[in-house]
Amino acid sequence: MLRRLLMGVTAVLAVTACAPSPPPQPVTFKAPCEGLILQIRRATSNRFDYSANRANDLADEAEKLLNDKNSPGACLAKAQEAANTIQMPLQ
């Protein structure tokens, strides 16, 4: 009886392990600035020091410039300044 139970569990595990999962969808951004802002938010999510707060403030300003649509260069400059504030390595 135990042997039949183990065979059934093994069969279920074999079937579920072979089930194809859908490939991950790539993330597309409107501008390179948007991706950098996301990286800054992730890097400062669990930090509470001055540089993280300053980087979040600069990222907020960059988001406002991104929504302005007329200043993508200024948005990227603000986002890079925020990344430099927390000394985030380029990825």
PDB file of N, CA and C in Angstrom:
ATOM      1  N   MET A   1       0.818  -1.187   0.000  1.00  0.00           N
ATOM      2  CA  MET A   1       0.000   0.000   0.000  1.00  0.00           C
ATOM      3  C   MET A   1       0.868   1.260   0.000  1.00  0.00           C
ATOM      4  N   LEU A   2       1.878   1.251   0.838  1.00  0.00           N
ATOM      5  CA  LEU A   2       2.788   2.389   0.891  1.00  0.00           C
ATOM      6  C   LEU A   2       3.517   2.549  -0.439  1.00  0.00           C
ATOM      7  N   ARG A   3       3.852   1.413  -1.030  1.00  0.00           N
ATOM      8  CA  ARG A   3       4.547   1.456  -2.319  1.00  0.00           C
ATOM      9  C   ARG A   3       3.671   2.085  -3.394  1.00  0.00           C
ATOM     10  N   ARG A   4       2.387   1.748  -3.428  1.00  0.00           N
ATOM     11  CA  ARG A   4       1.454   2.329  -4.404  1.00  0.00           C
ATOM     12  C   ARG A   4       1.301   3.830  -4.170  1.00  0.00           C
ATOM     13  N   LEU A   5       1.262   4.230  -2.912  1.00  0.00           N
ATOM     14  CA  LEU A   5       1.143   5.647  -2.580  1.00  0.00           C
ATOM     15  C   LEU A   5       2.366   6.423  -3.050  1.00  0.00           C
ATOM     16  N   LEU A   6       3.546   5.870  -2.799  1.00  0.00           N
ATOM     17  CA  LEU A   6       4.778   6.515  -3.238  1.00  0.00           C
ATOM     18  C   LEU A   6       4.865   6.589  -4.751  1.00  0.00           C
ATOM     19  N   MET A   7       4.398   5.553  -5.445  1.00  0.00           N
ATOM     20  CA  MET A   7       4.397   5.570  -6.907  1.00  0.00           C
ATOM     21  C   MET A   7       3.456   6.656  -7.428  1.00  0.00           C
ATOM     22  N   GLY A   8       2.322   6.819  -6.771  1.00  0.00           N
ATOM     23  CA  GLY A   8       1.370   7.856  -7.177  1.00  0.00           C
ATOM     24  C   GLY A   8       1.941   9.251  -6.970  1.00  0.00           C
ATOM     25  N   VAL A   9       2.601   9.455  -5.835  1.00  0.00           N
ATOM     26  CA  VAL A   9       3.215  10.755  -5.553  1.00  0.00           C
ATOM     27  C   VAL A   9       4.322  11.038  -6.561  1.00  0.00           C
ATOM     28  N   THR A  10       5.107  10.021  -6.870  1.00  0.00           N
ATOM     29  CA  THR A  10       6.188  10.185  -7.846  1.00  0.00           C
ATOM     30  C   THR A  10       5.632  10.534  -9.214  1.00  0.00           C
ATOM     31  N   ALA A  11       4.538   9.894  -9.597  1.00  0.00           N
ATOM     32  CA  ALA A  11       3.922  10.183 -10.901  1.00  0.00           C
ATOM     33  C   ALA A  11       3.399  11.613 -10.950  1.00  0.00           C
ATOM     34  N   VAL A  12       2.776  12.056  -9.874  1.00  0.00           N
ATOM     35  CA  VAL A  12       2.256  13.434  -9.838  1.00  0.00           C
ATOM     36  C   VAL A  12       3.402  14.430  -9.913  1.00  0.00           C
ATOM     37  N   LEU A  13       4.458  14.177  -9.187  1.00  0.00           N
ATOM     38  CA  LEU A  13       5.606  15.078  -9.223  1.00  0.00           C
ATOM     39  C   LEU A  13       6.252  15.104 -10.604  1.00  0.00           C
ATOM     40  N   ALA A  14       6.321  13.973 -11.256  1.00  0.00           N
ATOM     41  CA  ALA A  14       6.916  13.915 -12.593  1.00  0.00           C
ATOM     42  C   ALA A  14       6.086  14.694 -13.594  1.00  0.00           C
ATOM     43  N   VAL A  15       4.769  14.605 -13.487  1.00  0.00           N
ATOM     44  CA  VAL A  15       3.887  15.313 -14.427  1.00  0.00           C
ATOM     45  C   VAL A  15       3.952  16.818 -14.189  1.00  0.00           C
ATOM     46  N   THR A  16       3.937  17.241 -12.940  1.00  0.00           N
ATOM     47  CA  THR A  16       3.954  18.679 -12.666  1.00  0.00           C
ATOM     48  C   THR A  16       5.299  19.305 -12.963  1.00  0.00           C
ATOM     49  N   ALA A  17       6.374  18.543 -12.828  1.00  0.00           N
ATOM     50  CA  ALA A  17       7.699  19.089 -13.110  1.00  0.00           C
ATOM     51  C   ALA A  17       7.906  19.287 -14.602  1.00  0.00           C
ATOM     52  N   CYS A  18       7.218  18.524 -15.424  1.00  0.00           N
ATOM     53  CA  CYS A  18       7.382  18.622 -16.871  1.00  0.00           C
ATOM     54  C   CYS A  18       6.428  19.615 -17.506  1.00  0.00           C
ATOM     55  N   ALA A  19       5.509  20.153 -16.743  1.00  0.00           N
ATOM     56  CA  ALA A  19       4.540  21.088 -17.311  1.00  0.00           C
ATOM     57  C   ALA A  19       5.267  22.345 -17.778  1.00  0.00           C
ATOM     58  N   PRO A  20       5.055  22.736 -19.035  1.00  0.00           N
ATOM     59  CA  PRO A  20       5.758  23.924 -19.523  1.00  0.00           C
ATOM     60  C   PRO A  20       5.196  25.195 -18.890  1.00  0.00           C
ATOM     61  N   SER A  21       6.087  26.044 -18.514  1.00  0.00           N
ATOM     62  CA  SER A  21       5.658  27.328 -17.968  1.00  0.00           C
ATOM     63  C   SER A  21       5.864  28.385 -19.049  1.00  0.00           C
ATOM     64  N   PRO A  22       5.014  29.379 -19.062  1.00  0.00           N
ATOM     65  CA  PRO A  22       5.173  30.406 -20.090  1.00  0.00           C
ATOM     66  C   PRO A  22       6.461  31.194 -19.874  1.00  0.00           C
ATOM     67  N   PRO A  23       7.115  31.589 -20.943  1.00  0.00           N
ATOM     68  CA  PRO A  23       8.360  32.346 -20.782  1.00  0.00           C
ATOM     69  C   PRO A  23       8.063  33.723 -20.178  1.00  0.00           C
ATOM     70  N   PRO A  24       9.002  34.263 -19.433  1.00  0.00           N
ATOM     71  CA  PRO A  24       8.777  35.583 -18.838  1.00  0.00           C
ATOM     72  C   PRO A  24       8.694  36.648 -19.923  1.00  0.00           C
ATOM     73  N   GLN A  25       7.787  37.576 -19.727  1.00  0.00           N
ATOM     74  CA  GLN A  25       7.599  38.651 -20.687  1.00  0.00           C
ATOM     75  C   GLN A  25       8.631  39.745 -20.426  1.00  0.00           C
ATOM     76  N   PRO A  26       9.282  40.233 -21.462  1.00  0.00           N
ATOM     77  CA  PRO A  26      10.255  41.310 -21.249  1.00  0.00           C
ATOM     78  C   PRO A  26       9.545  42.602 -20.865  1.00  0.00           C
ATOM     79  N   VAL A  27      10.200  43.365 -20.040  1.00  0.00           N
ATOM     80  CA  VAL A  27       9.660  44.642 -19.597  1.00  0.00           C
ATOM     81  C   VAL A  27      10.105  45.707 -20.586  1.00  0.00           C
ATOM     82  N   THR A  28       9.164  46.483 -21.066  1.00  0.00           N
ATOM     83  CA  THR A  28       9.509  47.567 -21.979  1.00  0.00           C
ATOM     84  C   THR A  28       9.244  48.893 -21.281  1.00  0.00           C
ATOM     85  N   PHE A  29      10.154  49.812 -21.488  1.00  0.00           N
ATOM     86  CA  PHE A  29      10.047  51.126 -20.874  1.00  0.00           C
ATOM     87  C   PHE A  29       9.838  52.176 -21.949  1.00  0.00           C
ATOM     88  N   LYS A  30       9.170  53.264 -21.562  1.00  0.00           N
ATOM     89  CA  LYS A  30       8.964  54.364 -22.493  1.00  0.00           C
ATOM     90  C   LYS A  30      10.270  55.072 -22.804  1.00  0.00           C
ATOM     91  N   ALA A  31      11.137  55.136 -21.843  1.00  0.00           N
ATOM     92  CA  ALA A  31      12.409  55.850 -22.000  1.00  0.00           C
ATOM     93  C   ALA A  31      13.460  55.168 -21.140  1.00  0.00           C
ATOM     94  N   PRO A  32      14.742  55.355 -21.465  1.00  0.00           N
ATOM     95  CA  PRO A  32      15.785  54.761 -20.615  1.00  0.00           C
ATOM     96  C   PRO A  32      15.740  55.302 -19.194  1.00  0.00           C
ATOM     97  N   CYS A  33      15.220  56.486 -19.068  1.00  0.00           N
ATOM     98  CA  CYS A  33      15.091  57.113 -17.756  1.00  0.00           C
ATOM     99  C   CYS A  33      14.180  56.278 -16.851  1.00  0.00           C
ATOM    100  N   GLU A  34      13.125  55.716 -17.422  1.00  0.00           N
ATOM    101  CA  GLU A  34      12.163  54.949 -16.640  1.00  0.00           C
ATOM    102  C   GLU A  34      12.803  53.693 -16.036  1.00  0.00           C
ATOM    103  N   GLY A  35      13.640  53.024 -16.799  1.00  0.00           N
ATOM    104  CA  GLY A  35      14.334  51.843 -16.280  1.00  0.00           C
ATOM    105  C   GLY A  35      15.302  52.192 -15.164  1.00  0.00           C
ATOM    106  N   LEU A  36      15.992  53.315 -15.313  1.00  0.00           N
ATOM    107  CA  LEU A  36      16.938  53.749 -14.281  1.00  0.00           C
ATOM    108  C   LEU A  36      16.198  54.135 -13.001  1.00  0.00           C
ATOM    109  N   ILE A  37      15.049  54.764 -13.141  1.00  0.00           N
ATOM    110  CA  ILE A  37      14.240  55.122 -11.967  1.00  0.00           C
ATOM    111  C   ILE A  37      13.808  53.855 -11.229  1.00  0.00           C
ATOM    112  N   LEU A  38      13.412  52.835 -11.976  1.00  0.00           N
ATOM    113  CA  LEU A  38      13.008  51.579 -11.355  1.00  0.00           C
ATOM    114  C   LEU A  38      14.170  50.947 -10.593  1.00  0.00           C
ATOM    115  N   GLN A  39      15.365  50.976 -11.174  1.00  0.00           N
ATOM    116  CA  GLN A  39      16.536  50.430 -10.487  1.00  0.00           C
ATOM    117  C   GLN A  39      16.831  51.206  -9.210  1.00  0.00           C
ATOM    118  N   ILE A  40      16.670  52.517  -9.254  1.00  0.00           N
ATOM    119  CA  ILE A  40      16.914  53.349  -8.063  1.00  0.00           C
ATOM    120  C   ILE A  40      15.902  53.007  -6.978  1.00  0.00           C
ATOM    121  N   ARG A  41      14.640  52.863  -7.363  1.00  0.00           N
ATOM    122  CA  ARG A  41      13.590  52.514  -6.380  1.00  0.00           C
ATOM    123  C   ARG A  41      13.896  51.164  -5.730  1.00  0.00           C
ATOM    124  N   ARG A  42      14.340  50.192  -6.517  1.00  0.00           N
ATOM    125  CA  ARG A  42      14.662  48.879  -5.956  1.00  0.00           C
ATOM    126  C   ARG A  42      15.869  48.953  -5.030  1.00  0.00           C
ATOM    127  N   ALA A  43      16.862  49.750  -5.401  1.00  0.00           N
ATOM    128  CA  ALA A  43      18.082  49.843  -4.595  1.00  0.00           C
ATOM    129  C   ALA A  43      17.838  50.563  -3.269  1.00  0.00           C
ATOM    130  N   THR A  44      16.868  51.466  -3.230  1.00  0.00           N
ATOM    131  CA  THR A  44      16.617  52.242  -2.010  1.00  0.00           C
ATOM    132  C   THR A  44      15.386  51.771  -1.253  1.00  0.00           C
ATOM    133  N   SER A  45      14.818  50.641  -1.643  1.00  0.00           N
ATOM    134  CA  SER A  45      13.563  50.206  -1.028  1.00  0.00           C
ATOM    135  C   SER A  45      13.697  49.888   0.456  1.00  0.00           C
ATOM    136  N   ASN A  46      14.846  49.407   0.885  1.00  0.00           N
ATOM    137  CA  ASN A  46      15.000  49.052   2.300  1.00  0.00           C
ATOM    138  C   ASN A  46      16.073  49.888   2.992  1.00  0.00           C
ATOM    139  N   ARG A  47      16.358  51.057   2.440  1.00  0.00           N
ATOM    140  CA  ARG A  47      17.353  51.944   3.046  1.00  0.00           C
ATOM    141  C   ARG A  47      16.654  53.190   3.581  1.00  0.00           C
ATOM    142  N   PHE A  48      17.141  53.683   4.705  1.00  0.00           N
ATOM    143  CA  PHE A  48      16.530  54.849   5.332  1.00  0.00           C
ATOM    144  C   PHE A  48      17.559  55.925   5.672  1.00  0.00           C
ATOM    145  N   ASP A  49      18.668  55.924   4.971  1.00  0.00           N
ATOM    146  CA  ASP A  49      19.694  56.924   5.245  1.00  0.00           C
ATOM    147  C   ASP A  49      19.466  58.164   4.373  1.00  0.00           C
ATOM    148  N   TYR A  50      20.294  59.169   4.600  1.00  0.00           N
ATOM    149  CA  TYR A  50      20.133  60.441   3.902  1.00  0.00           C
ATOM    150  C   TYR A  50      20.282  60.287   2.398  1.00  0.00           C
ATOM    151  N   SER A  51      21.267  59.522   1.952  1.00  0.00           N
ATOM    152  CA  SER A  51      21.504  59.402   0.515  1.00  0.00           C
ATOM    153  C   SER A  51      20.343  58.686  -0.178  1.00  0.00           C
ATOM    154  N   ALA A  52      19.723  57.716   0.486  1.00  0.00           N
ATOM    155  CA  ALA A  52      18.569  57.032  -0.105  1.00  0.00           C
ATOM    156  C   ALA A  52      17.382  57.985  -0.207  1.00  0.00           C
ATOM    157  N   ASN A  53      17.180  58.796   0.824  1.00  0.00           N
ATOM    158  CA  ASN A  53      16.089  59.776   0.766  1.00  0.00           C
ATOM    159  C   ASN A  53      16.336  60.805  -0.327  1.00  0.00           C
ATOM    160  N   ARG A  54      17.555  61.255  -0.458  1.00  0.00           N
ATOM    161  CA  ARG A  54      17.899  62.224  -1.506  1.00  0.00           C
ATOM    162  C   ARG A  54      17.713  61.597  -2.895  1.00  0.00           C
ATOM    163  N   ALA A  55      18.109  60.337  -3.046  1.00  0.00           N
ATOM    164  CA  ALA A  55      17.944  59.653  -4.324  1.00  0.00           C
ATOM    165  C   ALA A  55      16.468  59.486  -4.668  1.00  0.00           C
ATOM    166  N   ASN A  56      15.636  59.185  -3.676  1.00  0.00           N
ATOM    167  CA  ASN A  56      14.196  59.080  -3.926  1.00  0.00           C
ATOM    168  C   ASN A  56      13.601  60.413  -4.333  1.00  0.00           C
ATOM    169  N   ASP A  57      14.054  61.496  -3.705  1.00  0.00           N
ATOM    170  CA  ASP A  57      13.574  62.828  -4.088  1.00  0.00           C
ATOM    171  C   ASP A  57      13.962  63.158  -5.528  1.00  0.00           C
ATOM    172  N   LEU A  58      15.198  62.845  -5.898  1.00  0.00           N
ATOM    173  CA  LEU A  58      15.647  63.086  -7.264  1.00  0.00           C
ATOM    174  C   LEU A  58      14.902  62.193  -8.258  1.00  0.00           C
ATOM    175  N   ALA A  59      14.599  60.967  -7.852  1.00  0.00           N
ATOM    176  CA  ALA A  59      13.833  60.069  -8.725  1.00  0.00           C
ATOM    177  C   ALA A  59      12.410  60.595  -8.921  1.00  0.00           C
ATOM    178  N   ASP A  60      11.833  61.191  -7.870  1.00  0.00           N
ATOM    179  CA  ASP A  60      10.514  61.819  -8.013  1.00  0.00           C
ATOM    180  C   ASP A  60      10.558  62.960  -9.028  1.00  0.00           C
ATOM    181  N   GLU A  61      11.599  63.772  -8.938  1.00  0.00           N
ATOM    182  CA  GLU A  61      11.754  64.867  -9.900  1.00  0.00           C
ATOM    183  C   GLU A  61      11.942  64.330 -11.318  1.00  0.00           C
ATOM    184  N   ALA A  62      12.686  63.243 -11.444  1.00  0.00           N
ATOM    185  CA  ALA A  62      12.896  62.643 -12.767  1.00  0.00           C
ATOM    186  C   ALA A  62      11.588  62.100 -13.331  1.00  0.00           C
ATOM    187  N   GLU A  63      10.745  61.518 -12.472  1.00  0.00           N
ATOM    188  CA  GLU A  63       9.439  61.028 -12.933  1.00  0.00           C
ATOM    189  C   GLU A  63       8.556  62.171 -13.411  1.00  0.00           C
ATOM    190  N   LYS A  64       8.615  63.289 -12.720  1.00  0.00           N
ATOM    191  CA  LYS A  64       7.843  64.453 -13.171  1.00  0.00           C
ATOM    192  C   LYS A  64       8.326  64.926 -14.535  1.00  0.00           C
ATOM    193  N   LEU A  65       9.638  64.930 -14.730  1.00  0.00           N
ATOM    194  CA  LEU A  65      10.185  65.322 -16.029  1.00  0.00           C
ATOM    195  C   LEU A  65       9.846  64.290 -17.100  1.00  0.00           C
ATOM    196  N   LEU A  66       9.765  63.030 -16.739  1.00  0.00           N
ATOM    197  CA  LEU A  66       9.394  61.981 -17.689  1.00  0.00           C
ATOM    198  C   LEU A  66       7.958  62.169 -18.147  1.00  0.00           C
ATOM    199  N   ASN A  67       7.086  62.540 -17.223  1.00  0.00           N
ATOM    200  CA  ASN A  67       5.687  62.762 -17.573  1.00  0.00           C
ATOM    201  C   ASN A  67       5.489  64.048 -18.362  1.00  0.00           C
ATOM    202  N   ASP A  68       6.465  64.948 -18.312  1.00  0.00           N
ATOM    203  CA  ASP A  68       6.385  66.216 -19.039  1.00  0.00           C
ATOM    204  C   ASP A  68       6.500  65.999 -20.545  1.00  0.00           C
ATOM    205  N   LYS A  69       7.132  64.922 -20.982  1.00  0.00           N
ATOM    206  CA  LYS A  69       7.295  64.524 -22.387  1.00  0.00           C
ATOM    207  C   LYS A  69       8.207  65.443 -23.194  1.00  0.00           C
ATOM    208  N   ASN A  70       8.514  66.610 -22.733  1.00  0.00           N
ATOM    209  CA  ASN A  70       9.345  67.543 -23.497  1.00  0.00           C
ATOM    210  C   ASN A  70      10.786  67.559 -23.033  1.00  0.00           C
ATOM    211  N   SER A  71      11.096  66.803 -22.008  1.00  0.00           N
ATOM    212  CA  SER A  71      12.450  66.876 -21.480  1.00  0.00           C
ATOM    213  C   SER A  71      12.996  65.494 -21.113  1.00  0.00           C
ATOM    214  N   PRO A  72      13.188  64.595 -22.093  1.00  0.00           N
ATOM    215  CA  PRO A  72      13.754  63.281 -21.755  1.00  0.00           C
ATOM    216  C   PRO A  72      15.217  63.366 -21.329  1.00  0.00           C
ATOM    217  N   GLY A  73      15.951  64.345 -21.857  1.00  0.00           N
ATOM    218  CA  GLY A  73      17.347  64.507 -21.453  1.00  0.00           C
ATOM    219  C   GLY A  73      17.474  64.955 -20.012  1.00  0.00           C
ATOM    220  N   ALA A  74      16.587  65.857 -19.598  1.00  0.00           N
ATOM    221  CA  ALA A  74      16.609  66.321 -18.217  1.00  0.00           C
ATOM    222  C   ALA A  74      16.207  65.203 -17.264  1.00  0.00           C
ATOM    223  N   CYS A  75      15.274  64.380 -17.708  1.00  0.00           N
ATOM    224  CA  CYS A  75      14.853  63.235 -16.891  1.00  0.00           C
ATOM    225  C   CYS A  75      16.023  62.287 -16.680  1.00  0.00           C
ATOM    226  N   LEU A  76      16.733  61.979 -17.726  1.00  0.00           N
ATOM    227  CA  LEU A  76      17.873  61.068 -17.619  1.00  0.00           C
ATOM    228  C   LEU A  76      18.973  61.667 -16.746  1.00  0.00           C
ATOM    229  N   ALA A  77      19.186  62.964 -16.852  1.00  0.00           N
ATOM    230  CA  ALA A  77      20.208  63.621 -16.028  1.00  0.00           C
ATOM    231  C   ALA A  77      19.840  63.536 -14.547  1.00  0.00           C
ATOM    232  N   LYS A  78      18.558  63.751 -14.215  1.00  0.00           N
ATOM    233  CA  LYS A  78      18.125  63.660 -12.815  1.00  0.00           C
ATOM    234  C   LYS A  78      18.249  62.229 -12.301  1.00  0.00           C
ATOM    235  N   ALA A  79      17.877  61.271 -13.146  1.00  0.00           N
ATOM    236  CA  ALA A  79      17.961  59.871 -12.730  1.00  0.00           C
ATOM    237  C   ALA A  79      19.413  59.456 -12.514  1.00  0.00           C
ATOM    238  N   GLN A  80      20.316  59.920 -13.368  1.00  0.00           N
ATOM    239  CA  GLN A  80      21.733  59.610 -13.183  1.00  0.00           C
ATOM    240  C   GLN A  80      22.289  60.277 -11.934  1.00  0.00           C
ATOM    241  N   GLU A  81      21.819  61.472 -11.643  1.00  0.00           N
ATOM    242  CA  GLU A  81      22.236  62.146 -10.421  1.00  0.00           C
ATOM    243  C   GLU A  81      21.771  61.361  -9.191  1.00  0.00           C
ATOM    244  N   ALA A  82      20.543  60.827  -9.253  1.00  0.00           N
ATOM    245  CA  ALA A  82      20.033  60.012  -8.157  1.00  0.00           C
ATOM    246  C   ALA A  82      20.855  58.732  -8.007  1.00  0.00           C
ATOM    247  N   ALA A  83      21.218  58.129  -9.122  1.00  0.00           N
ATOM    248  CA  ALA A  83      22.041  56.908  -9.060  1.00  0.00           C
ATOM    249  C   ALA A  83      23.416  57.212  -8.476  1.00  0.00           C
ATOM    250  N   ASN A  84      23.968  58.354  -8.822  1.00  0.00           N
ATOM    251  CA  ASN A  84      25.274  58.748  -8.269  1.00  0.00           C
ATOM    252  C   ASN A  84      25.172  59.034  -6.777  1.00  0.00           C
ATOM    253  N   THR A  85      24.026  59.524  -6.329  1.00  0.00           N
ATOM    254  CA  THR A  85      23.846  59.837  -4.925  1.00  0.00           C
ATOM    255  C   THR A  85      23.964  58.595  -4.059  1.00  0.00           C
ATOM    256  N   ILE A  86      23.422  57.488  -4.531  1.00  0.00           N
ATOM    257  CA  ILE A  86      23.506  56.244  -3.744  1.00  0.00           C
ATOM    258  C   ILE A  86      24.663  55.369  -4.200  1.00  0.00           C
ATOM    259  N   GLN A  87      25.486  55.885  -5.106  1.00  0.00           N
ATOM    260  CA  GLN A  87      26.655  55.174  -5.637  1.00  0.00           C
ATOM    261  C   GLN A  87      26.258  53.821  -6.204  1.00  0.00           C
ATOM    262  N   MET A  88      25.184  53.844  -6.997  1.00  0.00           N
ATOM    263  CA  MET A  88      24.677  52.630  -7.624  1.00  0.00           C
ATOM    264  C   MET A  88      25.529  52.297  -8.835  1.00  0.00           C
ATOM    265  N   PRO A  89      26.005  51.066  -8.937  1.00  0.00           N
ATOM    266  CA  PRO A  89      26.793  50.690 -10.118  1.00  0.00           C
ATOM    267  C   PRO A  89      25.900  50.628 -11.353  1.00  0.00           C
ATOM    268  N   LEU A  90      26.454  50.963 -12.505  1.00  0.00           N
ATOM    269  CA  LEU A  90      25.687  50.924 -13.745  1.00  0.00           C
ATOM    270  C   LEU A  90      25.437  49.475 -14.125  1.00  0.00           C
ATOM    271  N   GLN A  91      24.217  49.201 -14.620  1.00  0.00           N
ATOM    272  CA  GLN A  91      23.849  47.844 -15.005  1.00  0.00           C
ATOM    273  C   GLN A  91      23.435  47.818 -16.453  1.00  0.00           C
TER     274      GLN A  91
END
